Amino acid sequence: MPKATVPGLDFNHAMIYTRDVAAAMHFYSDLLGFKLIDWMEWESRPVYARLRTPRGASTIALHRLERGQTLPEFGGIRLYFEIKDLEKFCKRLETSGVTLKQKPKLMPWGWKHAYVDDPDGHEVSLYWAGAKRFQKAKKR
């Protein structure tokens, strides 16, 4: 397959639509450690927040659904966040009252994954791949 290149293209952020920006902010900031960059309110209600990962330059944005909009049953997204001390981090989440859908487990492709849902039901994969992150998965 030919490789297409777009000069200067870089990933900026993922937009996460939410019913409640404050609840999503608690999950991503207080529990996962994201740092607040921007916050906007409209009619005395939080409607938008932009956050940066604890390490690095990746960002996410939390955007409140407009009146009348609903989140689809399965939004077709899963967010992936890598953390070296996965087991320790997951224990801290559980201590904070978060239910893990899957505790840390070594997957067939060599990465260790845990799964959790954010307050709106978006699936979040917490994982550790280490040096394997940019390697092709081995066939079994």
N, C-alpha and C. Protein backbone atom coordinates (compact mmCIF):
# COMPACT_ATOMS: atom_id res chain seq x y z
N MET A 1 0.85 -1.17 0.00
CA MET A 1 0.00 0.00 0.00
C MET A 1 0.90 1.24 0.00
N PRO A 2 0.68 2.17 -0.93
CA PRO A 2 1.52 3.37 -0.98
C PRO A 2 1.27 4.25 0.24
N LYS A 3 2.32 4.91 0.67
CA LYS A 3 2.21 5.80 1.82
C LYS A 3 1.95 7.22 1.34
N ALA A 4 0.87 7.80 1.81
CA ALA A 4 0.57 9.19 1.50
C ALA A 4 1.13 10.05 2.63
N THR A 5 1.72 11.15 2.27
CA THR A 5 2.23 12.05 3.30
C THR A 5 1.56 13.40 3.14
N VAL A 6 1.26 13.98 4.27
CA VAL A 6 0.70 15.33 4.30
C VAL A 6 1.65 16.16 5.13
N PRO A 7 2.40 17.05 4.49
CA PRO A 7 3.39 17.84 5.23
C PRO A 7 2.76 18.60 6.39
N GLY A 8 3.38 18.46 7.55
CA GLY A 8 2.96 19.22 8.72
C GLY A 8 1.76 18.68 9.46
N LEU A 9 1.15 17.59 9.00
CA LEU A 9 -0.02 17.05 9.67
C LEU A 9 0.37 16.44 11.01
N ASP A 10 -0.35 16.80 12.05
CA ASP A 10 -0.10 16.28 13.38
C ASP A 10 -1.43 16.10 14.08
N PHE A 11 -1.55 15.08 14.90
CA PHE A 11 -2.77 14.88 15.67
C PHE A 11 -2.90 15.99 16.69
N ASN A 12 -4.09 16.59 16.80
CA ASN A 12 -4.30 17.67 17.77
C ASN A 12 -5.03 17.17 18.99
N HIS A 13 -6.28 16.73 18.85
CA HIS A 13 -7.01 16.25 20.01
C HIS A 13 -8.21 15.41 19.60
N ALA A 14 -8.75 14.70 20.57
CA ALA A 14 -9.99 13.96 20.36
C ALA A 14 -11.09 14.70 21.11
N MET A 15 -12.24 14.87 20.47
CA MET A 15 -13.40 15.51 21.09
C MET A 15 -14.28 14.42 21.68
N ILE A 16 -14.60 14.55 22.94
CA ILE A 16 -15.44 13.58 23.63
C ILE A 16 -16.73 14.29 24.01
N TYR A 17 -17.82 13.85 23.42
CA TYR A 17 -19.12 14.46 23.74
C TYR A 17 -19.65 13.85 25.02
N THR A 18 -20.22 14.70 25.88
CA THR A 18 -20.63 14.27 27.20
C THR A 18 -21.96 14.89 27.61
N ARG A 19 -22.69 14.18 28.45
CA ARG A 19 -23.93 14.73 29.02
C ARG A 19 -23.62 15.73 30.12
N ASP A 20 -22.45 15.55 30.78
CA ASP A 20 -22.12 16.34 31.96
C ASP A 20 -20.61 16.62 31.97
N VAL A 21 -20.24 17.84 31.59
CA VAL A 21 -18.82 18.20 31.51
C VAL A 21 -18.15 18.08 32.87
N ALA A 22 -18.82 18.48 33.94
CA ALA A 22 -18.21 18.41 35.27
C ALA A 22 -17.90 16.97 35.67
N ALA A 23 -18.81 16.03 35.40
CA ALA A 23 -18.58 14.62 35.73
C ALA A 23 -17.44 14.05 34.87
N ALA A 24 -17.42 14.40 33.59
CA ALA A 24 -16.34 13.94 32.71
C ALA A 24 -15.01 14.56 33.15
N MET A 25 -15.05 15.81 33.56
CA MET A 25 -13.84 16.50 34.03
C MET A 25 -13.29 15.78 35.28
N HIS A 26 -14.15 15.39 36.18
CA HIS A 26 -13.71 14.66 37.38
C HIS A 26 -13.00 13.37 36.96
N PHE A 27 -13.59 12.62 36.04
CA PHE A 27 -13.00 11.36 35.59
C PHE A 27 -11.63 11.58 34.95
N TYR A 28 -11.57 12.46 33.94
CA TYR A 28 -10.32 12.64 33.20
C TYR A 28 -9.26 13.42 33.97
N SER A 29 -9.67 14.40 34.76
CA SER A 29 -8.71 15.22 35.49
C SER A 29 -8.35 14.61 36.85
N ASP A 30 -9.34 14.43 37.70
CA ASP A 30 -9.08 13.96 39.06
C ASP A 30 -8.63 12.50 39.11
N LEU A 31 -9.22 11.64 38.28
CA LEU A 31 -8.90 10.21 38.34
C LEU A 31 -7.78 9.80 37.39
N LEU A 32 -7.77 10.33 36.16
CA LEU A 32 -6.72 9.95 35.20
C LEU A 32 -5.54 10.92 35.18
N GLY A 33 -5.69 12.09 35.79
CA GLY A 33 -4.56 13.00 35.92
C GLY A 33 -4.36 14.01 34.80
N PHE A 34 -5.34 14.17 33.90
CA PHE A 34 -5.21 15.18 32.84
C PHE A 34 -5.18 16.58 33.44
N LYS A 35 -4.48 17.50 32.78
CA LYS A 35 -4.34 18.87 33.25
C LYS A 35 -5.24 19.80 32.44
N LEU A 36 -5.99 20.64 33.15
CA LEU A 36 -6.92 21.57 32.51
C LEU A 36 -6.16 22.66 31.75
N ILE A 37 -6.54 22.87 30.49
CA ILE A 37 -5.99 23.94 29.66
C ILE A 37 -7.02 25.04 29.48
N ASP A 38 -8.26 24.65 29.23
CA ASP A 38 -9.31 25.62 28.91
C ASP A 38 -10.64 25.14 29.50
N TRP A 39 -11.48 26.08 29.87
CA TRP A 39 -12.78 25.78 30.48
C TRP A 39 -13.76 26.85 30.02
N MET A 40 -14.93 26.45 29.57
CA MET A 40 -15.91 27.43 29.13
C MET A 40 -17.29 27.07 29.70
N GLU A 41 -17.99 28.11 30.15
CA GLU A 41 -19.35 27.95 30.64
C GLU A 41 -20.29 28.77 29.75
N TRP A 42 -21.52 28.32 29.66
CA TRP A 42 -22.56 29.02 28.92
C TRP A 42 -23.82 28.94 29.77
N GLU A 43 -24.43 30.06 30.00
CA GLU A 43 -25.62 30.12 30.84
C GLU A 43 -25.39 29.44 32.19
N SER A 44 -24.25 29.75 32.79
CA SER A 44 -23.84 29.25 34.11
C SER A 44 -23.67 27.74 34.18
N ARG A 45 -23.45 27.07 33.02
CA ARG A 45 -23.22 25.62 33.00
C ARG A 45 -21.93 25.33 32.23
N PRO A 46 -21.11 24.40 32.73
CA PRO A 46 -19.92 24.04 31.97
C PRO A 46 -20.31 23.37 30.66
N VAL A 47 -19.72 23.82 29.56
CA VAL A 47 -20.04 23.26 28.24
C VAL A 47 -18.82 22.71 27.51
N TYR A 48 -17.62 23.07 27.97
CA TYR A 48 -16.41 22.68 27.23
C TYR A 48 -15.21 22.71 28.17
N ALA A 49 -14.34 21.73 28.01
CA ALA A 49 -13.06 21.73 28.71
C ALA A 49 -12.04 21.10 27.78
N ARG A 50 -10.84 21.61 27.80
CA ARG A 50 -9.74 21.01 27.03
C ARG A 50 -8.66 20.65 28.03
N LEU A 51 -8.14 19.43 27.90
CA LEU A 51 -7.18 18.91 28.87
C LEU A 51 -5.98 18.31 28.16
N ARG A 52 -4.84 18.35 28.84
CA ARG A 52 -3.59 17.78 28.31
C ARG A 52 -3.23 16.54 29.11
N THR A 53 -2.66 15.55 28.44
CA THR A 53 -2.24 14.35 29.14
C THR A 53 -1.20 14.70 30.20
N PRO A 54 -1.13 13.90 31.27
CA PRO A 54 -0.16 14.18 32.33
C PRO A 54 1.28 14.22 31.81
N ARG A 55 1.58 13.38 30.84
CA ARG A 55 2.91 13.37 30.21
C ARG A 55 2.71 13.63 28.73
N GLY A 56 3.44 14.51 28.17
CA GLY A 56 3.35 14.71 26.73
C GLY A 56 2.47 15.88 26.32
N ALA A 57 2.17 15.92 25.04
CA ALA A 57 1.46 17.06 24.47
C ALA A 57 0.10 16.70 23.88
N SER A 58 -0.37 15.49 24.07
CA SER A 58 -1.67 15.10 23.54
C SER A 58 -2.78 15.74 24.37
N THR A 59 -3.88 16.07 23.70
CA THR A 59 -4.99 16.70 24.40
C THR A 59 -6.32 16.03 24.03
N ILE A 60 -7.28 16.22 24.92
CA ILE A 60 -8.66 15.83 24.65
C ILE A 60 -9.53 17.03 24.93
N ALA A 61 -10.72 17.05 24.35
CA ALA A 61 -11.69 18.09 24.65
C ALA A 61 -12.98 17.43 25.08
N LEU A 62 -13.61 17.98 26.09
CA LEU A 62 -14.91 17.51 26.57
C LEU A 62 -15.94 18.53 26.14
N HIS A 63 -16.97 18.09 25.45
CA HIS A 63 -17.96 19.02 24.89
C HIS A 63 -19.36 18.53 25.27
N ARG A 64 -20.11 19.39 25.96
CA ARG A 64 -21.46 19.01 26.38
C ARG A 64 -22.36 18.87 25.16
N LEU A 65 -23.18 17.85 25.18
CA LEU A 65 -24.18 17.68 24.12
C LEU A 65 -25.15 18.85 24.15
N GLU A 66 -25.58 19.25 22.98
CA GLU A 66 -26.58 20.31 22.92
C GLU A 66 -27.94 19.74 23.31
N ARG A 67 -28.82 20.62 23.75
CA ARG A 67 -30.16 20.17 24.16
C ARG A 67 -30.79 19.36 23.03
N GLY A 68 -31.40 18.23 23.40
CA GLY A 68 -32.07 17.39 22.42
C GLY A 68 -31.16 16.33 21.81
N GLN A 69 -29.83 16.46 21.95
CA GLN A 69 -28.92 15.45 21.41
C GLN A 69 -28.72 14.34 22.44
N THR A 70 -28.46 13.13 21.94
CA THR A 70 -28.17 12.00 22.82
C THR A 70 -26.93 11.28 22.33
N LEU A 71 -26.28 10.59 23.23
CA LEU A 71 -25.13 9.78 22.85
C LEU A 71 -25.64 8.49 22.24
N PRO A 72 -25.06 8.05 21.14
CA PRO A 72 -25.49 6.77 20.56
C PRO A 72 -25.16 5.62 21.51
N GLU A 73 -25.85 4.52 21.34
CA GLU A 73 -25.64 3.34 22.20
C GLU A 73 -24.16 2.95 22.23
N PHE A 74 -23.53 2.90 21.07
CA PHE A 74 -22.09 2.66 21.00
C PHE A 74 -21.53 3.69 20.05
N GLY A 75 -20.76 4.60 20.59
CA GLY A 75 -20.26 5.73 19.81
C GLY A 75 -19.16 5.40 18.82
N GLY A 76 -18.66 4.17 18.83
CA GLY A 76 -17.64 3.80 17.87
C GLY A 76 -16.26 4.29 18.22
N ILE A 77 -16.05 4.71 19.47
CA ILE A 77 -14.71 5.13 19.86
C ILE A 77 -14.26 4.36 21.09
N ARG A 78 -12.97 4.18 21.18
CA ARG A 78 -12.33 3.68 22.39
C ARG A 78 -11.07 4.53 22.52
N LEU A 79 -10.88 5.12 23.65
CA LEU A 79 -9.70 5.95 23.90
C LEU A 79 -8.62 5.09 24.53
N TYR A 80 -7.37 5.29 24.11
CA TYR A 80 -6.23 4.53 24.62
C TYR A 80 -5.26 5.47 25.32
N PHE A 81 -4.93 5.12 26.57
CA PHE A 81 -3.97 5.89 27.33
C PHE A 81 -2.95 4.92 27.91
N GLU A 82 -1.67 5.20 27.63
CA GLU A 82 -0.60 4.32 28.08
C GLU A 82 -0.04 4.79 29.41
N ILE A 83 0.17 3.84 30.31
CA ILE A 83 0.75 4.14 31.62
C ILE A 83 1.63 2.97 32.06
N LYS A 84 2.84 3.29 32.48
CA LYS A 84 3.81 2.26 32.81
C LYS A 84 3.37 1.43 34.03
N ASP A 85 2.96 2.05 35.11
CA ASP A 85 2.55 1.34 36.32
C ASP A 85 1.06 1.03 36.27
N LEU A 86 0.66 0.25 35.28
CA LEU A 86 -0.75 -0.02 35.01
C LEU A 86 -1.48 -0.63 36.21
N GLU A 87 -0.90 -1.66 36.82
CA GLU A 87 -1.56 -2.32 37.95
C GLU A 87 -1.79 -1.34 39.10
N LYS A 88 -0.76 -0.59 39.45
CA LYS A 88 -0.85 0.39 40.55
C LYS A 88 -1.90 1.45 40.23
N PHE A 89 -1.90 1.93 38.99
CA PHE A 89 -2.85 2.96 38.58
C PHE A 89 -4.29 2.42 38.66
N CYS A 90 -4.50 1.19 38.20
CA CYS A 90 -5.84 0.59 38.25
C CYS A 90 -6.31 0.38 39.68
N LYS A 91 -5.40 0.00 40.58
CA LYS A 91 -5.78 -0.15 41.99
C LYS A 91 -6.22 1.20 42.56
N ARG A 92 -5.54 2.27 42.17
CA ARG A 92 -5.91 3.61 42.64
C ARG A 92 -7.29 3.99 42.12
N LEU A 93 -7.58 3.66 40.87
CA LEU A 93 -8.91 3.93 40.32
C LEU A 93 -9.98 3.17 41.09
N GLU A 94 -9.74 1.89 41.34
CA GLU A 94 -10.72 1.09 42.08
C GLU A 94 -10.94 1.64 43.49
N THR A 95 -9.87 2.08 44.14
CA THR A 95 -9.97 2.69 45.46
C THR A 95 -10.82 3.96 45.41
N SER A 96 -10.80 4.65 44.27
CA SER A 96 -11.59 5.87 44.08
C SER A 96 -13.03 5.57 43.68
N GLY A 97 -13.39 4.29 43.58
CA GLY A 97 -14.77 3.92 43.26
C GLY A 97 -15.04 3.59 41.81
N VAL A 98 -14.00 3.56 40.98
CA VAL A 98 -14.16 3.23 39.56
C VAL A 98 -14.20 1.71 39.40
N THR A 99 -15.16 1.23 38.63
CA THR A 99 -15.27 -0.20 38.33
C THR A 99 -14.54 -0.50 37.03
N LEU A 100 -13.58 -1.41 37.09
CA LEU A 100 -12.87 -1.82 35.88
C LEU A 100 -13.70 -2.87 35.16
N LYS A 101 -13.89 -2.69 33.84
CA LYS A 101 -14.57 -3.72 33.04
C LYS A 101 -13.65 -4.92 32.86
N GLN A 102 -12.35 -4.64 32.82
CA GLN A 102 -11.34 -5.69 32.74
C GLN A 102 -10.13 -5.22 33.52
N LYS A 103 -9.69 -6.03 34.46
CA LYS A 103 -8.47 -5.72 35.20
C LYS A 103 -7.28 -5.91 34.26
N PRO A 104 -6.10 -5.36 34.60
CA PRO A 104 -4.93 -5.50 33.72
C PRO A 104 -4.69 -6.96 33.33
N LYS A 105 -4.54 -7.16 32.03
CA LYS A 105 -4.41 -8.52 31.48
C LYS A 105 -3.49 -8.47 30.27
N LEU A 106 -2.58 -9.41 30.16
CA LEU A 106 -1.70 -9.49 29.00
C LEU A 106 -2.51 -10.00 27.81
N MET A 107 -2.50 -9.24 26.73
CA MET A 107 -3.28 -9.58 25.55
C MET A 107 -2.41 -10.37 24.56
N PRO A 108 -3.04 -11.09 23.61
CA PRO A 108 -2.28 -11.91 22.65
C PRO A 108 -1.24 -11.12 21.85
N TRP A 109 -1.43 -9.83 21.65
CA TRP A 109 -0.49 -9.03 20.85
C TRP A 109 0.65 -8.49 21.70
N GLY A 110 0.69 -8.84 23.01
CA GLY A 110 1.84 -8.50 23.83
C GLY A 110 1.69 -7.24 24.68
N TRP A 111 0.56 -6.55 24.59
CA TRP A 111 0.33 -5.37 25.42
C TRP A 111 -0.54 -5.77 26.60
N LYS A 112 -0.34 -5.11 27.73
CA LYS A 112 -1.18 -5.35 28.89
C LYS A 112 -2.28 -4.28 28.90
N HIS A 113 -3.55 -4.70 28.97
CA HIS A 113 -4.71 -3.80 28.91
C HIS A 113 -5.62 -3.95 30.11
N ALA A 114 -6.22 -2.82 30.49
CA ALA A 114 -7.35 -2.78 31.42
C ALA A 114 -8.40 -1.91 30.75
N TYR A 115 -9.68 -2.19 31.01
CA TYR A 115 -10.75 -1.41 30.39
C TYR A 115 -11.67 -0.82 31.45
N VAL A 116 -12.12 0.41 31.20
CA VAL A 116 -13.02 1.13 32.09
C VAL A 116 -13.90 2.03 31.22
N ASP A 117 -15.08 2.34 31.69
CA ASP A 117 -15.94 3.29 30.99
C ASP A 117 -15.87 4.65 31.67
N ASP A 118 -15.89 5.72 30.87
CA ASP A 118 -15.98 7.06 31.46
C ASP A 118 -17.43 7.29 31.88
N PRO A 119 -17.76 8.43 32.49
CA PRO A 119 -19.13 8.65 32.97
C PRO A 119 -20.22 8.59 31.89
N ASP A 120 -19.85 8.76 30.62
CA ASP A 120 -20.83 8.70 29.53
C ASP A 120 -20.84 7.36 28.82
N GLY A 121 -20.06 6.40 29.30
CA GLY A 121 -20.03 5.08 28.70
C GLY A 121 -19.02 4.92 27.58
N HIS A 122 -18.17 5.93 27.34
CA HIS A 122 -17.10 5.79 26.35
C HIS A 122 -16.07 4.82 26.92
N GLU A 123 -15.69 3.83 26.12
CA GLU A 123 -14.74 2.85 26.61
C GLU A 123 -13.33 3.42 26.58
N VAL A 124 -12.61 3.22 27.68
CA VAL A 124 -11.25 3.71 27.83
C VAL A 124 -10.35 2.50 28.07
N SER A 125 -9.30 2.39 27.25
CA SER A 125 -8.31 1.34 27.44
C SER A 125 -7.10 1.97 28.10
N LEU A 126 -6.74 1.44 29.24
CA LEU A 126 -5.51 1.81 29.92
C LEU A 126 -4.55 0.67 29.63
N TYR A 127 -3.36 0.98 29.15
CA TYR A 127 -2.49 -0.11 28.72
C TYR A 127 -1.02 0.24 28.93
N TRP A 128 -0.20 -0.78 28.82
CA TRP A 128 1.24 -0.61 28.80
C TRP A 128 1.78 -1.48 27.68
N ALA A 129 2.44 -0.85 26.73
CA ALA A 129 3.06 -1.56 25.62
C ALA A 129 4.57 -1.44 25.67
N GLY A 130 5.06 -0.36 26.26
CA GLY A 130 6.50 -0.15 26.33
C GLY A 130 7.13 -0.10 24.95
N ALA A 131 8.22 -0.82 24.77
CA ALA A 131 8.95 -0.82 23.50
C ALA A 131 8.13 -1.42 22.37
N LYS A 132 7.09 -2.20 22.70
CA LYS A 132 6.27 -2.86 21.67
C LYS A 132 5.28 -1.90 21.02
N ARG A 133 5.16 -0.68 21.55
CA ARG A 133 4.14 0.26 21.08
C ARG A 133 4.23 0.53 19.57
N PHE A 134 5.43 0.66 19.04
CA PHE A 134 5.57 0.98 17.62
C PHE A 134 6.03 -0.23 16.80
N GLN A 135 5.88 -1.42 17.34
CA GLN A 135 6.25 -2.64 16.63
C GLN A 135 4.99 -3.32 16.11
N LYS A 136 5.13 -3.99 15.01
CA LYS A 136 4.04 -4.77 14.45
C LYS A 136 3.75 -5.96 15.36
N ALA A 137 2.47 -6.27 15.53
CA ALA A 137 2.09 -7.42 16.36
C ALA A 137 2.60 -8.71 15.73
N LYS A 138 3.06 -9.63 16.56
CA LYS A 138 3.54 -10.92 16.07
C LYS A 138 2.34 -11.83 15.83
N LYS A 139 2.39 -12.58 14.73
CA LYS A 139 1.33 -13.55 14.43
C LYS A 139 1.52 -14.76 15.29
N ARG A 140 0.44 -15.31 15.76
CA ARG A 140 0.51 -16.49 16.63
C ARG A 140 0.03 -17.70 15.91
